[in-house]
Amino acid sequence: MPEEIRDELKRARKAKRWTQQELGKKVQLAQRHISAIEAGKIVPRYDTLLDIVRVLDLDLVLAPRELVPAVQALIRDYRNRAAPGQTAERALYAVEAEEGDHG
């Protein structure tokens, strides 16, 4: 499973202030299984991944590749809208440091 997805799962778990054990209980997996997924040592079955994603209040979405930069910009904006000290408006589609990064 791509590191980007694993990092997002871990970020979402930590945002809820859940331990790996707490997440595991919610999806009926052992803590060591959650740890192995986050570390990239195992790849979960699709239905297991869906269970984890949904309990973390996330969802998997298929998007046309050409729309991925716009979707990523929306996610970035969503995450940053409540960031401390955020007062100036930001560009929706590109941040100079990220222009070469198309995911």
N, C-alpha and C. Protein backbone atom coordinates (compact mmCIF):
# COMPACT_ATOMS: atom_id res chain seq x y z
N MET A 1 0.85 -1.16 0.00
CA MET A 1 0.00 0.00 0.00
C MET A 1 0.91 1.24 0.00
N PRO A 2 0.56 2.24 -0.79
CA PRO A 2 1.42 3.42 -0.88
C PRO A 2 1.62 4.12 0.47
N GLU A 3 2.81 4.65 0.65
CA GLU A 3 3.16 5.34 1.88
C GLU A 3 2.20 6.51 2.15
N GLU A 4 1.78 7.19 1.10
CA GLU A 4 0.87 8.32 1.24
C GLU A 4 -0.45 7.89 1.91
N ILE A 5 -0.97 6.74 1.55
CA ILE A 5 -2.21 6.24 2.15
C ILE A 5 -1.96 5.83 3.60
N ARG A 6 -0.85 5.14 3.83
CA ARG A 6 -0.52 4.73 5.20
C ARG A 6 -0.36 5.94 6.10
N ASP A 7 0.31 6.97 5.60
CA ASP A 7 0.50 8.20 6.39
C ASP A 7 -0.84 8.87 6.69
N GLU A 8 -1.74 8.85 5.73
CA GLU A 8 -3.05 9.46 5.93
C GLU A 8 -3.86 8.69 6.97
N LEU A 9 -3.79 7.38 6.94
CA LEU A 9 -4.49 6.57 7.95
C LEU A 9 -3.94 6.87 9.35
N LYS A 10 -2.63 6.93 9.45
CA LYS A 10 -1.99 7.21 10.74
C LYS A 10 -2.35 8.62 11.22
N ARG A 11 -2.32 9.59 10.31
CA ARG A 11 -2.67 10.97 10.65
C ARG A 11 -4.12 11.05 11.17
N ALA A 12 -5.02 10.36 10.48
CA ALA A 12 -6.43 10.37 10.88
C ALA A 12 -6.62 9.70 12.24
N ARG A 13 -5.90 8.61 12.48
CA ARG A 13 -5.99 7.93 13.78
C ARG A 13 -5.51 8.85 14.89
N LYS A 14 -4.38 9.50 14.66
CA LYS A 14 -3.82 10.39 15.68
C LYS A 14 -4.70 11.62 15.88
N ALA A 15 -5.35 12.10 14.83
CA ALA A 15 -6.25 13.24 14.96
C ALA A 15 -7.43 12.92 15.88
N LYS A 16 -7.81 11.66 15.90
CA LYS A 16 -8.87 11.21 16.80
C LYS A 16 -8.34 10.86 18.19
N ARG A 17 -7.01 10.96 18.33
CA ARG A 17 -6.32 10.63 19.58
C ARG A 17 -6.54 9.17 19.99
N TRP A 18 -6.56 8.31 18.97
CA TRP A 18 -6.70 6.87 19.20
C TRP A 18 -5.33 6.21 19.13
N THR A 19 -5.14 5.22 19.96
CA THR A 19 -3.95 4.37 19.85
C THR A 19 -4.23 3.34 18.76
N GLN A 20 -3.19 2.65 18.37
CA GLN A 20 -3.38 1.56 17.41
C GLN A 20 -4.31 0.51 18.00
N GLN A 21 -4.21 0.29 19.29
CA GLN A 21 -5.06 -0.69 19.95
C GLN A 21 -6.54 -0.27 19.90
N GLU A 22 -6.79 1.02 20.12
CA GLU A 22 -8.18 1.51 20.07
C GLU A 22 -8.77 1.38 18.67
N LEU A 23 -7.97 1.74 17.65
CA LEU A 23 -8.43 1.57 16.27
C LEU A 23 -8.67 0.10 15.98
N GLY A 24 -7.75 -0.74 16.41
CA GLY A 24 -7.91 -2.18 16.19
C GLY A 24 -9.20 -2.72 16.77
N LYS A 25 -9.54 -2.29 17.97
CA LYS A 25 -10.79 -2.75 18.60
C LYS A 25 -12.00 -2.35 17.77
N LYS A 26 -11.97 -1.15 17.21
CA LYS A 26 -13.11 -0.66 16.44
C LYS A 26 -13.30 -1.43 15.13
N VAL A 27 -12.22 -1.97 14.59
CA VAL A 27 -12.32 -2.73 13.34
C VAL A 27 -12.03 -4.21 13.53
N GLN A 28 -11.96 -4.61 14.77
CA GLN A 28 -11.75 -6.02 15.15
C GLN A 28 -10.45 -6.60 14.58
N LEU A 29 -9.37 -5.83 14.80
CA LEU A 29 -8.03 -6.28 14.43
C LEU A 29 -7.11 -6.10 15.63
N ALA A 30 -6.11 -6.93 15.72
CA ALA A 30 -5.12 -6.80 16.78
C ALA A 30 -4.27 -5.55 16.55
N GLN A 31 -3.76 -4.98 17.63
CA GLN A 31 -2.89 -3.80 17.53
C GLN A 31 -1.71 -4.07 16.62
N ARG A 32 -1.14 -5.25 16.69
CA ARG A 32 0.04 -5.57 15.87
C ARG A 32 -0.31 -5.55 14.38
N HIS A 33 -1.57 -5.86 14.04
CA HIS A 33 -2.02 -5.82 12.66
C HIS A 33 -2.11 -4.36 12.17
N ILE A 34 -2.67 -3.49 13.02
CA ILE A 34 -2.74 -2.06 12.69
C ILE A 34 -1.33 -1.51 12.53
N SER A 35 -0.44 -1.86 13.43
CA SER A 35 0.95 -1.42 13.36
C SER A 35 1.60 -1.86 12.05
N ALA A 36 1.38 -3.11 11.67
CA ALA A 36 1.98 -3.65 10.44
C ALA A 36 1.43 -2.95 9.21
N ILE A 37 0.14 -2.59 9.23
CA ILE A 37 -0.45 -1.85 8.10
C ILE A 37 0.18 -0.47 8.01
N GLU A 38 0.25 0.23 9.14
CA GLU A 38 0.83 1.59 9.14
C GLU A 38 2.30 1.58 8.73
N ALA A 39 3.00 0.52 9.07
CA ALA A 39 4.43 0.42 8.74
C ALA A 39 4.67 -0.10 7.33
N GLY A 40 3.63 -0.55 6.65
CA GLY A 40 3.79 -1.07 5.30
C GLY A 40 4.29 -2.50 5.24
N LYS A 41 4.24 -3.19 6.37
CA LYS A 41 4.72 -4.58 6.40
C LYS A 41 3.69 -5.54 5.85
N ILE A 42 2.40 -5.16 5.93
CA ILE A 42 1.35 -5.96 5.32
C ILE A 42 0.38 -5.04 4.58
N VAL A 43 -0.28 -5.58 3.60
CA VAL A 43 -1.30 -4.85 2.85
C VAL A 43 -2.64 -5.45 3.24
N PRO A 44 -3.54 -4.61 3.76
CA PRO A 44 -4.83 -5.14 4.19
C PRO A 44 -5.70 -5.53 2.99
N ARG A 45 -6.61 -6.46 3.23
CA ARG A 45 -7.61 -6.78 2.21
C ARG A 45 -8.44 -5.52 1.98
N TYR A 46 -9.07 -5.45 0.82
CA TYR A 46 -9.85 -4.26 0.47
C TYR A 46 -10.96 -4.00 1.49
N ASP A 47 -11.68 -5.03 1.90
CA ASP A 47 -12.77 -4.83 2.86
C ASP A 47 -12.23 -4.37 4.22
N THR A 48 -11.06 -4.83 4.59
CA THR A 48 -10.43 -4.38 5.84
C THR A 48 -10.03 -2.92 5.73
N LEU A 49 -9.45 -2.54 4.60
CA LEU A 49 -9.08 -1.15 4.38
C LEU A 49 -10.32 -0.25 4.44
N LEU A 50 -11.41 -0.69 3.83
CA LEU A 50 -12.65 0.09 3.89
C LEU A 50 -13.14 0.26 5.32
N ASP A 51 -13.07 -0.80 6.10
CA ASP A 51 -13.47 -0.71 7.52
C ASP A 51 -12.63 0.32 8.25
N ILE A 52 -11.34 0.28 8.05
CA ILE A 52 -10.43 1.21 8.72
C ILE A 52 -10.73 2.65 8.28
N VAL A 53 -10.83 2.84 6.99
CA VAL A 53 -11.07 4.17 6.43
C VAL A 53 -12.38 4.75 6.98
N ARG A 54 -13.42 3.97 6.98
CA ARG A 54 -14.73 4.47 7.40
C ARG A 54 -14.78 4.78 8.89
N VAL A 55 -14.14 3.96 9.72
CA VAL A 55 -14.15 4.24 11.16
C VAL A 55 -13.33 5.50 11.47
N LEU A 56 -12.43 5.87 10.57
CA LEU A 56 -11.64 7.09 10.72
C LEU A 56 -12.34 8.30 10.09
N ASP A 57 -13.59 8.12 9.66
CA ASP A 57 -14.38 9.18 9.02
C ASP A 57 -13.75 9.66 7.72
N LEU A 58 -13.16 8.74 6.99
CA LEU A 58 -12.59 9.00 5.67
C LEU A 58 -13.37 8.17 4.66
N ASP A 59 -13.02 8.32 3.40
CA ASP A 59 -13.62 7.49 2.36
C ASP A 59 -12.62 7.35 1.23
N LEU A 60 -12.75 6.27 0.49
CA LEU A 60 -11.93 6.08 -0.70
C LEU A 60 -12.73 6.61 -1.88
N VAL A 61 -12.07 7.37 -2.75
CA VAL A 61 -12.76 7.98 -3.88
C VAL A 61 -11.93 7.75 -5.14
N LEU A 62 -12.61 7.34 -6.20
CA LEU A 62 -11.95 7.24 -7.50
C LEU A 62 -12.21 8.55 -8.23
N ALA A 63 -11.15 9.16 -8.72
CA ALA A 63 -11.27 10.42 -9.43
C ALA A 63 -10.47 10.33 -10.72
N PRO A 64 -10.97 10.97 -11.78
CA PRO A 64 -10.16 11.01 -13.00
C PRO A 64 -8.80 11.63 -12.69
N ARG A 65 -7.77 11.04 -13.24
CA ARG A 65 -6.41 11.48 -12.95
C ARG A 65 -6.21 12.97 -13.18
N GLU A 66 -6.84 13.51 -14.21
CA GLU A 66 -6.67 14.93 -14.50
C GLU A 66 -7.28 15.83 -13.43
N LEU A 67 -8.17 15.29 -12.59
CA LEU A 67 -8.76 16.08 -11.51
C LEU A 67 -8.04 15.93 -10.18
N VAL A 68 -7.08 15.05 -10.11
CA VAL A 68 -6.37 14.79 -8.85
C VAL A 68 -5.75 16.07 -8.26
N PRO A 69 -5.08 16.92 -9.05
CA PRO A 69 -4.53 18.15 -8.45
C PRO A 69 -5.61 19.02 -7.81
N ALA A 70 -6.77 19.11 -8.42
CA ALA A 70 -7.86 19.92 -7.85
C ALA A 70 -8.39 19.28 -6.57
N VAL A 71 -8.52 17.97 -6.57
CA VAL A 71 -8.98 17.27 -5.36
C VAL A 71 -7.96 17.45 -4.24
N GLN A 72 -6.69 17.31 -4.55
CA GLN A 72 -5.64 17.50 -3.54
C GLN A 72 -5.66 18.93 -3.00
N ALA A 73 -5.92 19.91 -3.86
CA ALA A 73 -6.00 21.30 -3.41
C ALA A 73 -7.17 21.50 -2.46
N LEU A 74 -8.29 20.86 -2.76
CA LEU A 74 -9.46 20.96 -1.87
C LEU A 74 -9.16 20.35 -0.51
N ILE A 75 -8.48 19.22 -0.50
CA ILE A 75 -8.12 18.57 0.76
C ILE A 75 -7.16 19.44 1.54
N ARG A 76 -6.16 19.99 0.85
CA ARG A 76 -5.20 20.89 1.50
C ARG A 76 -5.92 22.08 2.12
N ASP A 77 -6.85 22.66 1.37
CA ASP A 77 -7.60 23.81 1.85
C ASP A 77 -8.45 23.43 3.07
N TYR A 78 -9.07 22.27 3.02
CA TYR A 78 -9.89 21.79 4.13
C TYR A 78 -9.05 21.64 5.40
N ARG A 79 -7.88 21.06 5.26
CA ARG A 79 -7.00 20.85 6.42
C ARG A 79 -6.45 22.16 6.98
N ASN A 80 -6.20 23.11 6.12
CA ASN A 80 -5.55 24.34 6.54
C ASN A 80 -6.52 25.44 6.94
N ARG A 81 -7.79 25.28 6.70
CA ARG A 81 -8.72 26.38 6.95
C ARG A 81 -8.80 26.78 8.41
N ALA A 82 -8.54 25.86 9.30
CA ALA A 82 -8.59 26.18 10.73
C ALA A 82 -7.19 26.24 11.34
N ALA A 83 -6.18 26.30 10.50
CA ALA A 83 -4.81 26.33 11.01
C ALA A 83 -4.57 27.61 11.80
N PRO A 84 -3.90 27.51 12.95
CA PRO A 84 -3.61 28.71 13.75
C PRO A 84 -2.82 29.73 12.95
N GLY A 85 -3.19 30.98 13.07
CA GLY A 85 -2.46 32.04 12.39
C GLY A 85 -2.79 32.18 10.91
N GLN A 86 -3.73 31.41 10.41
CA GLN A 86 -4.09 31.44 8.99
C GLN A 86 -5.04 32.61 8.75
N THR A 87 -4.53 33.68 8.13
CA THR A 87 -5.37 34.85 7.89
C THR A 87 -5.45 35.22 6.42
N ALA A 88 -4.38 35.09 5.69
CA ALA A 88 -4.36 35.48 4.28
C ALA A 88 -5.00 34.40 3.41
N GLU A 89 -5.61 34.83 2.31
CA GLU A 89 -6.16 33.87 1.37
C GLU A 89 -5.02 33.17 0.66
N ARG A 90 -5.26 31.89 0.30
CA ARG A 90 -4.25 31.11 -0.40
C ARG A 90 -4.76 30.71 -1.77
N ALA A 91 -3.85 30.47 -2.69
CA ALA A 91 -4.24 29.98 -4.01
C ALA A 91 -4.85 28.61 -3.86
N LEU A 92 -5.90 28.32 -4.62
CA LEU A 92 -6.60 27.05 -4.51
C LEU A 92 -5.83 25.90 -5.15
N TYR A 93 -5.22 26.11 -6.32
CA TYR A 93 -4.67 25.00 -7.06
C TYR A 93 -3.19 24.74 -6.88
N ALA A 94 -2.43 25.74 -6.55
CA ALA A 94 -0.99 25.48 -6.49
C ALA A 94 -0.35 26.32 -5.40
N VAL A 95 0.58 25.71 -4.76
CA VAL A 95 1.44 26.41 -3.83
C VAL A 95 2.82 26.30 -4.45
N GLU A 96 3.54 27.39 -4.50
CA GLU A 96 4.81 27.42 -5.23
C GLU A 96 5.70 26.24 -4.93
N ALA A 97 5.82 25.83 -3.69
CA ALA A 97 6.70 24.72 -3.32
C ALA A 97 6.18 23.39 -3.82
N GLU A 98 4.89 23.33 -4.19
CA GLU A 98 4.30 22.06 -4.57
C GLU A 98 3.99 21.96 -6.06
N GLU A 99 4.35 22.96 -6.85
CA GLU A 99 3.99 22.97 -8.27
C GLU A 99 4.50 21.74 -9.01
N GLY A 100 5.66 21.22 -8.68
CA GLY A 100 6.19 20.05 -9.37
C GLY A 100 5.63 18.75 -8.84
N ASP A 101 4.88 18.80 -7.75
CA ASP A 101 4.35 17.61 -7.11
C ASP A 101 2.92 17.35 -7.59
N HIS A 102 2.76 16.35 -8.42
CA HIS A 102 1.43 16.04 -8.94
C HIS A 102 0.91 14.73 -8.39
N GLY A 103 1.47 14.22 -7.29
CA GLY A 103 1.00 13.03 -6.60
C GLY A 103 1.28 11.82 -7.35
